[in-house]
Amino acid sequence: TDPARGDIEFLAVPADDLALELGSPKSANMVALGAYLA
C-alpha cells in the first residue's frame, strides 16, 4: 500500500526484488540506501 499522507514525497523501491536480481538477496538494505542517496 502507499502511505496515507499526501504531504510527503515517497519513493517505492522493490528492494528485495532488485537484490534478488543481482543474486544477492541479503543486500536489499543496500538497495534502499542507494535509492535514498540518489
All heavy atoms as atom14 arrays in JSON, in Angstrom:
{
  "sequence": "TDPARGDIEFLAVPADDLALELGSPKSANMVALGAYLA",
  "atom14_mask": [
    [1, 1, 1, 1, 1, 1, 1, 0, 0, 0, 0, 0, 0, 0],
    [1, 1, 1, 1, 1, 1, 1, 1, 0, 0, 0, 0, 0, 0],
    [1, 1, 1, 1, 1, 1, 1, 0, 0, 0, 0, 0, 0, 0],
    [1, 1, 1, 1, 1, 0, 0, 0, 0, 0, 0, 0, 0, 0],
    [1, 1, 1, 1, 1, 1, 1, 1, 1, 1, 1, 0, 0, 0],
    [1, 1, 1, 1, 0, 0, 0, 0, 0, 0, 0, 0, 0, 0],
    [1, 1, 1, 1, 1, 1, 1, 1, 0, 0, 0, 0, 0, 0],
    [1, 1, 1, 1, 1, 1, 1, 1, 0, 0, 0, 0, 0, 0],
    [1, 1, 1, 1, 1, 1, 1, 1, 1, 0, 0, 0, 0, 0],
    [1, 1, 1, 1, 1, 1, 1, 1, 1, 1, 1, 0, 0, 0],
    [1, 1, 1, 1, 1, 1, 1, 1, 0, 0, 0, 0, 0, 0],
    [1, 1, 1, 1, 1, 0, 0, 0, 0, 0, 0, 0, 0, 0],
    [1, 1, 1, 1, 1, 1, 1, 0, 0, 0, 0, 0, 0, 0],
    [1, 1, 1, 1, 1, 1, 1, 0, 0, 0, 0, 0, 0, 0],
    [1, 1, 1, 1, 1, 0, 0, 0, 0, 0, 0, 0, 0, 0],
    [1, 1, 1, 1, 1, 1, 1, 1, 0, 0, 0, 0, 0, 0],
    [1, 1, 1, 1, 1, 1, 1, 1, 0, 0, 0, 0, 0, 0],
    [1, 1, 1, 1, 1, 1, 1, 1, 0, 0, 0, 0, 0, 0],
    [1, 1, 1, 1, 1, 0, 0, 0, 0, 0, 0, 0, 0, 0],
    [1, 1, 1, 1, 1, 1, 1, 1, 0, 0, 0, 0, 0, 0],
    [1, 1, 1, 1, 1, 1, 1, 1, 1, 0, 0, 0, 0, 0],
    [1, 1, 1, 1, 1, 1, 1, 1, 0, 0, 0, 0, 0, 0],
    [1, 1, 1, 1, 0, 0, 0, 0, 0, 0, 0, 0, 0, 0],
    [1, 1, 1, 1, 1, 1, 0, 0, 0, 0, 0, 0, 0, 0],
    [1, 1, 1, 1, 1, 1, 1, 0, 0, 0, 0, 0, 0, 0],
    [1, 1, 1, 1, 1, 1, 1, 1, 1, 0, 0, 0, 0, 0],
    [1, 1, 1, 1, 1, 1, 0, 0, 0, 0, 0, 0, 0, 0],
    [1, 1, 1, 1, 1, 0, 0, 0, 0, 0, 0, 0, 0, 0],
    [1, 1, 1, 1, 1, 1, 1, 1, 0, 0, 0, 0, 0, 0],
    [1, 1, 1, 1, 1, 1, 1, 1, 0, 0, 0, 0, 0, 0],
    [1, 1, 1, 1, 1, 1, 1, 0, 0, 0, 0, 0, 0, 0],
    [1, 1, 1, 1, 1, 0, 0, 0, 0, 0, 0, 0, 0, 0],
    [1, 1, 1, 1, 1, 1, 1, 1, 0, 0, 0, 0, 0, 0],
    [1, 1, 1, 1, 0, 0, 0, 0, 0, 0, 0, 0, 0, 0],
    [1, 1, 1, 1, 1, 0, 0, 0, 0, 0, 0, 0, 0, 0],
    [1, 1, 1, 1, 1, 1, 1, 1, 1, 1, 1, 1, 0, 0],
    [1, 1, 1, 1, 1, 1, 1, 1, 0, 0, 0, 0, 0, 0],
    [1, 1, 1, 1, 1, 0, 0, 0, 0, 0, 0, 0, 0, 0]
  ],
  "atom14_positions": [
    [[0.83, -1.21, 0.0], [0.0, 0.0, 0.0], [0.86, 1.26, 0.0], [1.98, 1.24, 0.5], [-0.89, 0.04, 1.26], [-0.03, -0.16, 2.4], [-1.94, -1.04, 1.24], [0.0, 0.0, 0.0], [0.0, 0.0, 0.0], [0.0, 0.0, 0.0], [0.0, 0.0, 0.0], [0.0, 0.0, 0.0], [0.0, 0.0, 0.0], [0.0, 0.0, 0.0]],
    [[0.33, 2.33, -0.54], [1.02, 3.61, -0.49], [0.73, 4.28, 0.85], [-0.27, 3.98, 1.49], [0.55, 4.51, -1.64], [1.07, 4.0, -2.99], [2.0, 3.17, -2.98], [0.55, 4.44, -4.02], [0.0, 0.0, 0.0], [0.0, 0.0, 0.0], [0.0, 0.0, 0.0], [0.0, 0.0, 0.0], [0.0, 0.0, 0.0], [0.0, 0.0, 0.0]],
    [[1.6, 5.19, 1.29], [1.36, 5.86, 2.57], [0.08, 6.68, 2.53], [-0.32, 7.16, 1.47], [2.58, 6.76, 2.74], [3.15, 6.92, 1.37], [2.83, 5.67, 0.63], [0.0, 0.0, 0.0], [0.0, 0.0, 0.0], [0.0, 0.0, 0.0], [0.0, 0.0, 0.0], [0.0, 0.0, 0.0], [0.0, 0.0, 0.0], [0.0, 0.0, 0.0]],
    [[-0.54, 6.85, 3.69], [-1.82, 7.55, 3.78], [-1.67, 9.07, 3.69], [-2.65, 9.78, 3.61], [-2.51, 7.18, 5.09], [0.0, 0.0, 0.0], [0.0, 0.0, 0.0], [0.0, 0.0, 0.0], [0.0, 0.0, 0.0], [0.0, 0.0, 0.0], [0.0, 0.0, 0.0], [0.0, 0.0, 0.0], [0.0, 0.0, 0.0], [0.0, 0.0, 0.0]],
    [[-0.44, 9.56, 3.7], [-0.22, 11.0, 3.71], [0.05, 11.57, 2.33], [0.84, 11.03, 1.58], [0.97, 11.33, 4.62], [0.69, 11.04, 6.07], [1.89, 11.38, 6.93], [2.27, 12.78, 6.82], [3.18, 13.36, 7.6], [3.78, 12.65, 8.53], [3.47, 14.63, 7.45], [0.0, 0.0, 0.0], [0.0, 0.0, 0.0], [0.0, 0.0, 0.0]],
    [[-0.56, 12.7, 2.05], [-0.33, 13.36, 0.77], [0.72, 14.46, 0.83], [1.05, 15.05, -0.19], [0.0, 0.0, 0.0], [0.0, 0.0, 0.0], [0.0, 0.0, 0.0], [0.0, 0.0, 0.0], [0.0, 0.0, 0.0], [0.0, 0.0, 0.0], [0.0, 0.0, 0.0], [0.0, 0.0, 0.0], [0.0, 0.0, 0.0], [0.0, 0.0, 0.0]],
    [[1.24, 14.73, 2.02], [2.15, 15.88, 2.18], [3.62, 15.45, 2.27], [4.46, 16.22, 2.71], [1.78, 16.69, 3.42], [1.95, 15.9, 4.71], [1.88, 14.64, 4.67], [2.17, 16.53, 5.76], [0.0, 0.0, 0.0], [0.0, 0.0, 0.0], [0.0, 0.0, 0.0], [0.0, 0.0, 0.0], [0.0, 0.0, 0.0], [0.0, 0.0, 0.0]],
    [[3.9, 14.21, 1.89], [5.29, 13.76, 1.88], [5.62, 13.21, 0.49], [4.74, 12.8, -0.26], [5.57, 12.66, 2.95], [4.61, 11.48, 2.78], [5.52, 13.25, 4.36], [4.91, 10.3, 3.7], [0.0, 0.0, 0.0], [0.0, 0.0, 0.0], [0.0, 0.0, 0.0], [0.0, 0.0, 0.0], [0.0, 0.0, 0.0], [0.0, 0.0, 0.0]],
    [[6.91, 13.21, 0.21], [7.38, 12.63, -1.05], [7.65, 11.17, -0.77], [8.2, 10.83, 0.28], [8.69, 13.36, -1.4], [9.32, 12.96, -2.71], [10.74, 13.55, -2.85], [11.09, 14.49, -2.1], [11.47, 13.03, -3.69], [0.0, 0.0, 0.0], [0.0, 0.0, 0.0], [0.0, 0.0, 0.0], [0.0, 0.0, 0.0], [0.0, 0.0, 0.0]],
    [[7.25, 10.26, -1.65], [7.64, 8.89, -1.39], [8.18, 8.17, -2.61], [7.82, 8.47, -3.74], [6.55, 8.09, -0.67], [5.42, 7.6, -1.55], [5.45, 6.34, -2.1], [4.33, 8.43, -1.81], [4.42, 5.89, -2.91], [3.3, 7.99, -2.6], [3.34, 6.71, -3.17], [0.0, 0.0, 0.0], [0.0, 0.0, 0.0], [0.0, 0.0, 0.0]],
    [[9.11, 7.29, -2.33], [9.78, 6.52, -3.36], [9.62, 5.06, -2.98], [10.09, 4.63, -1.94], [11.26, 6.93, -3.38], [12.21, 6.22, -4.31], [11.77, 6.38, -5.77], [13.63, 6.75, -4.13], [0.0, 0.0, 0.0], [0.0, 0.0, 0.0], [0.0, 0.0, 0.0], [0.0, 0.0, 0.0], [0.0, 0.0, 0.0], [0.0, 0.0, 0.0]],
    [[8.89, 4.31, -3.82], [8.66, 2.89, -3.57], [9.68, 2.08, -4.35], [9.67, 2.07, -5.58], [7.24, 2.52, -3.98], [0.0, 0.0, 0.0], [0.0, 0.0, 0.0], [0.0, 0.0, 0.0], [0.0, 0.0, 0.0], [0.0, 0.0, 0.0], [0.0, 0.0, 0.0], [0.0, 0.0, 0.0], [0.0, 0.0, 0.0], [0.0, 0.0, 0.0]],
    [[10.58, 1.42, -3.63], [11.68, 0.69, -4.25], [11.5, -0.8, -4.0], [11.4, -1.22, -2.84], [13.04, 1.09, -3.61], [14.2, 0.47, -4.37], [13.17, 2.59, -3.53], [0.0, 0.0, 0.0], [0.0, 0.0, 0.0], [0.0, 0.0, 0.0], [0.0, 0.0, 0.0], [0.0, 0.0, 0.0], [0.0, 0.0, 0.0], [0.0, 0.0, 0.0]],
    [[11.44, -1.63, -5.04], [11.31, -3.07, -4.83], [12.66, -3.67, -4.39], [13.31, -4.4, -5.14], [10.88, -3.6, -6.2], [11.43, -2.61, -7.18], [11.49, -1.27, -6.48], [0.0, 0.0, 0.0], [0.0, 0.0, 0.0], [0.0, 0.0, 0.0], [0.0, 0.0, 0.0], [0.0, 0.0, 0.0], [0.0, 0.0, 0.0], [0.0, 0.0, 0.0]],
    [[13.05, -3.33, -3.16], [14.42, -3.61, -2.71], [14.78, -5.09, -2.73], [15.85, -5.47, -3.21], [14.63, -3.02, -1.32], [0.0, 0.0, 0.0], [0.0, 0.0, 0.0], [0.0, 0.0, 0.0], [0.0, 0.0, 0.0], [0.0, 0.0, 0.0], [0.0, 0.0, 0.0], [0.0, 0.0, 0.0], [0.0, 0.0, 0.0], [0.0, 0.0, 0.0]],
    [[13.89, -5.95, -2.22], [14.18, -7.39, -2.2], [14.28, -7.94, -3.62], [15.15, -8.77, -3.91], [13.11, -8.16, -1.43], [13.12, -7.83, 0.05], [12.45, -6.87, 0.46], [13.83, -8.52, 0.8], [0.0, 0.0, 0.0], [0.0, 0.0, 0.0], [0.0, 0.0, 0.0], [0.0, 0.0, 0.0], [0.0, 0.0, 0.0], [0.0, 0.0, 0.0]],
    [[13.39, -7.5, -4.49], [13.37, -7.99, -5.87], [14.65, -7.6, -6.61], [15.25, -8.41, -7.31], [12.14, -7.45, -6.63], [10.84, -7.81, -5.93], [10.76, -8.94, -5.39], [9.92, -6.99, -5.9], [0.0, 0.0, 0.0], [0.0, 0.0, 0.0], [0.0, 0.0, 0.0], [0.0, 0.0, 0.0], [0.0, 0.0, 0.0], [0.0, 0.0, 0.0]],
    [[15.06, -6.35, -6.43], [16.29, -5.89, -7.09], [17.51, -6.62, -6.55], [18.4, -6.99, -7.31], [16.45, -4.37, -6.92], [15.46, -3.5, -7.71], [15.59, -2.03, -7.3], [15.68, -3.63, -9.21], [0.0, 0.0, 0.0], [0.0, 0.0, 0.0], [0.0, 0.0, 0.0], [0.0, 0.0, 0.0], [0.0, 0.0, 0.0], [0.0, 0.0, 0.0]],
    [[17.54, -6.85, -5.23], [18.66, -7.57, -4.62], [18.73, -9.0, -5.15], [19.8, -9.53, -5.44], [18.53, -7.55, -3.1], [0.0, 0.0, 0.0], [0.0, 0.0, 0.0], [0.0, 0.0, 0.0], [0.0, 0.0, 0.0], [0.0, 0.0, 0.0], [0.0, 0.0, 0.0], [0.0, 0.0, 0.0], [0.0, 0.0, 0.0], [0.0, 0.0, 0.0]],
    [[17.56, -9.61, -5.28], [17.47, -10.97, -5.8], [17.97, -11.04, -7.25], [18.71, -11.95, -7.61], [16.01, -11.43, -5.73], [15.72, -12.92, -5.55], [16.44, -13.48, -4.32], [14.22, -13.14, -5.41], [0.0, 0.0, 0.0], [0.0, 0.0, 0.0], [0.0, 0.0, 0.0], [0.0, 0.0, 0.0], [0.0, 0.0, 0.0], [0.0, 0.0, 0.0]],
    [[17.58, -10.04, -8.04], [18.05, -9.98, -9.43], [19.57, -9.9, -9.52], [20.18, -10.42, -10.45], [17.47, -8.74, -10.13], [16.11, -8.93, -10.75], [15.51, -7.6, -11.23], [16.27, -6.75, -11.73], [14.29, -7.44, -11.08], [0.0, 0.0, 0.0], [0.0, 0.0, 0.0], [0.0, 0.0, 0.0], [0.0, 0.0, 0.0], [0.0, 0.0, 0.0]],
    [[20.17, -9.24, -8.53], [21.63, -9.11, -8.5], [22.28, -10.39, -7.98], [23.5, -10.48, -7.91], [22.05, -7.95, -7.6], [21.7, -6.54, -8.06], [21.95, -5.55, -6.94], [22.5, -6.16, -9.3], [0.0, 0.0, 0.0], [0.0, 0.0, 0.0], [0.0, 0.0, 0.0], [0.0, 0.0, 0.0], [0.0, 0.0, 0.0], [0.0, 0.0, 0.0]],
    [[21.45, -11.35, -7.53], [21.99, -12.58, -6.96], [22.49, -12.39, -5.54], [23.31, -13.15, -5.04], [0.0, 0.0, 0.0], [0.0, 0.0, 0.0], [0.0, 0.0, 0.0], [0.0, 0.0, 0.0], [0.0, 0.0, 0.0], [0.0, 0.0, 0.0], [0.0, 0.0, 0.0], [0.0, 0.0, 0.0], [0.0, 0.0, 0.0], [0.0, 0.0, 0.0]],
    [[21.98, -11.36, -4.86], [22.46, -11.03, -3.53], [21.28, -10.64, -2.63], [21.15, -9.49, -2.23], [23.46, -9.87, -3.67], [23.89, -9.42, -2.43], [0.0, 0.0, 0.0], [0.0, 0.0, 0.0], [0.0, 0.0, 0.0], [0.0, 0.0, 0.0], [0.0, 0.0, 0.0], [0.0, 0.0, 0.0], [0.0, 0.0, 0.0], [0.0, 0.0, 0.0]],
    [[20.41, -11.63, -2.32], [19.15, -11.34, -1.62], [19.3, -10.6, -0.29], [18.43, -9.85, 0.11], [18.52, -12.72, -1.41], [19.59, -13.71, -1.69], [20.56, -13.07, -2.62], [0.0, 0.0, 0.0], [0.0, 0.0, 0.0], [0.0, 0.0, 0.0], [0.0, 0.0, 0.0], [0.0, 0.0, 0.0], [0.0, 0.0, 0.0], [0.0, 0.0, 0.0]],
    [[20.47, -10.77, 0.37], [20.67, -10.12, 1.66], [20.96, -8.62, 1.54], [21.0, -7.91, 2.53], [21.81, -10.79, 2.42], [21.41, -12.05, 3.14], [22.5, -12.48, 4.12], [21.95, -13.27, 5.3], [21.4, -14.57, 4.93], [0.0, 0.0, 0.0], [0.0, 0.0, 0.0], [0.0, 0.0, 0.0], [0.0, 0.0, 0.0], [0.0, 0.0, 0.0]],
    [[21.17, -8.14, 0.31], [21.56, -6.73, 0.18], [20.42, -5.8, -0.19], [20.64, -4.7, -0.7], [22.73, -6.59, -0.81], [22.35, -7.06, -2.08], [0.0, 0.0, 0.0], [0.0, 0.0, 0.0], [0.0, 0.0, 0.0], [0.0, 0.0, 0.0], [0.0, 0.0, 0.0], [0.0, 0.0, 0.0], [0.0, 0.0, 0.0], [0.0, 0.0, 0.0]],
    [[19.18, -6.21, 0.12], [18.02, -5.32, -0.1], [18.19, -4.0, 0.67], [17.77, -2.94, 0.21], [16.74, -6.02, 0.33], [0.0, 0.0, 0.0], [0.0, 0.0, 0.0], [0.0, 0.0, 0.0], [0.0, 0.0, 0.0], [0.0, 0.0, 0.0], [0.0, 0.0, 0.0], [0.0, 0.0, 0.0], [0.0, 0.0, 0.0], [0.0, 0.0, 0.0]],
    [[18.82, -4.1, 1.85], [19.08, -2.89, 2.64], [19.92, -1.88, 1.86], [19.65, -0.67, 1.87], [19.74, -3.24, 3.98], [21.08, -3.98, 3.83], [21.37, -4.6, 2.81], [21.89, -3.96, 4.87], [0.0, 0.0, 0.0], [0.0, 0.0, 0.0], [0.0, 0.0, 0.0], [0.0, 0.0, 0.0], [0.0, 0.0, 0.0], [0.0, 0.0, 0.0]],
    [[20.94, -2.37, 1.15], [21.83, -1.5, 0.37], [21.09, -0.88, -0.81], [21.34, 0.27, -1.18], [23.04, -2.29, -0.13], [23.93, -2.83, 0.97], [24.81, -1.51, 1.88], [25.33, -2.44, 3.34], [0.0, 0.0, 0.0], [0.0, 0.0, 0.0], [0.0, 0.0, 0.0], [0.0, 0.0, 0.0], [0.0, 0.0, 0.0], [0.0, 0.0, 0.0]],
    [[20.17, -1.65, -1.4], [19.36, -1.12, -2.5], [18.55, 0.09, -2.0], [18.52, 1.14, -2.63], [18.41, -2.2, -3.07], [17.47, -1.6, -4.11], [19.21, -3.36, -3.68], [0.0, 0.0, 0.0], [0.0, 0.0, 0.0], [0.0, 0.0, 0.0], [0.0, 0.0, 0.0], [0.0, 0.0, 0.0], [0.0, 0.0, 0.0], [0.0, 0.0, 0.0]],
    [[17.92, -0.07, -0.83], [17.12, 1.01, -0.25], [17.98, 2.23, 0.06], [17.6, 3.37, -0.22], [16.41, 0.53, 1.01], [0.0, 0.0, 0.0], [0.0, 0.0, 0.0], [0.0, 0.0, 0.0], [0.0, 0.0, 0.0], [0.0, 0.0, 0.0], [0.0, 0.0, 0.0], [0.0, 0.0, 0.0], [0.0, 0.0, 0.0], [0.0, 0.0, 0.0]],
    [[19.17, 1.99, 0.62], [20.06, 3.11, 0.94], [20.52, 3.82, -0.33], [20.55, 5.05, -0.38], [21.27, 2.62, 1.74], [22.26, 3.73, 2.16], [21.6, 4.75, 3.08], [23.5, 3.15, 2.82], [0.0, 0.0, 0.0], [0.0, 0.0, 0.0], [0.0, 0.0, 0.0], [0.0, 0.0, 0.0], [0.0, 0.0, 0.0], [0.0, 0.0, 0.0]],
    [[20.84, 3.05, -1.37], [21.26, 3.64, -2.63], [20.17, 4.53, -3.22], [20.45, 5.63, -3.73], [0.0, 0.0, 0.0], [0.0, 0.0, 0.0], [0.0, 0.0, 0.0], [0.0, 0.0, 0.0], [0.0, 0.0, 0.0], [0.0, 0.0, 0.0], [0.0, 0.0, 0.0], [0.0, 0.0, 0.0], [0.0, 0.0, 0.0], [0.0, 0.0, 0.0]],
    [[18.93, 4.08, -3.12], [17.8, 4.87, -3.62], [17.68, 6.18, -2.84], [17.49, 7.25, -3.42], [16.51, 4.05, -3.5], [0.0, 0.0, 0.0], [0.0, 0.0, 0.0], [0.0, 0.0, 0.0], [0.0, 0.0, 0.0], [0.0, 0.0, 0.0], [0.0, 0.0, 0.0], [0.0, 0.0, 0.0], [0.0, 0.0, 0.0], [0.0, 0.0, 0.0]],
    [[17.82, 6.08, -1.52], [17.8, 7.29, -0.67], [18.9, 8.27, -1.09], [18.67, 9.46, -1.25], [17.97, 6.9, 0.8], [18.41, 8.07, 1.67], [17.48, 9.04, 2.06], [19.74, 8.22, 2.05], [17.88, 10.14, 2.82], [20.14, 9.3, 2.81], [19.22, 10.26, 3.19], [19.62, 11.34, 3.93], [0.0, 0.0, 0.0], [0.0, 0.0, 0.0]],
    [[20.11, 7.75, -1.25], [21.26, 8.6, -1.59], [21.04, 9.34, -2.9], [21.35, 10.53, -3.02], [22.54, 7.76, -1.67], [23.03, 7.19, -0.33], [24.08, 6.11, -0.57], [23.57, 8.28, 0.59], [0.0, 0.0, 0.0], [0.0, 0.0, 0.0], [0.0, 0.0, 0.0], [0.0, 0.0, 0.0], [0.0, 0.0, 0.0], [0.0, 0.0, 0.0]],
    [[20.51, 8.64, -3.89], [20.29, 9.26, -5.2], [19.19, 10.32, -5.13], [19.28, 11.36, -5.79], [19.93, 8.19, -6.23], [0.0, 0.0, 0.0], [0.0, 0.0, 0.0], [0.0, 0.0, 0.0], [0.0, 0.0, 0.0], [0.0, 0.0, 0.0], [0.0, 0.0, 0.0], [0.0, 0.0, 0.0], [0.0, 0.0, 0.0], [0.0, 0.0, 0.0]]
  ]
}
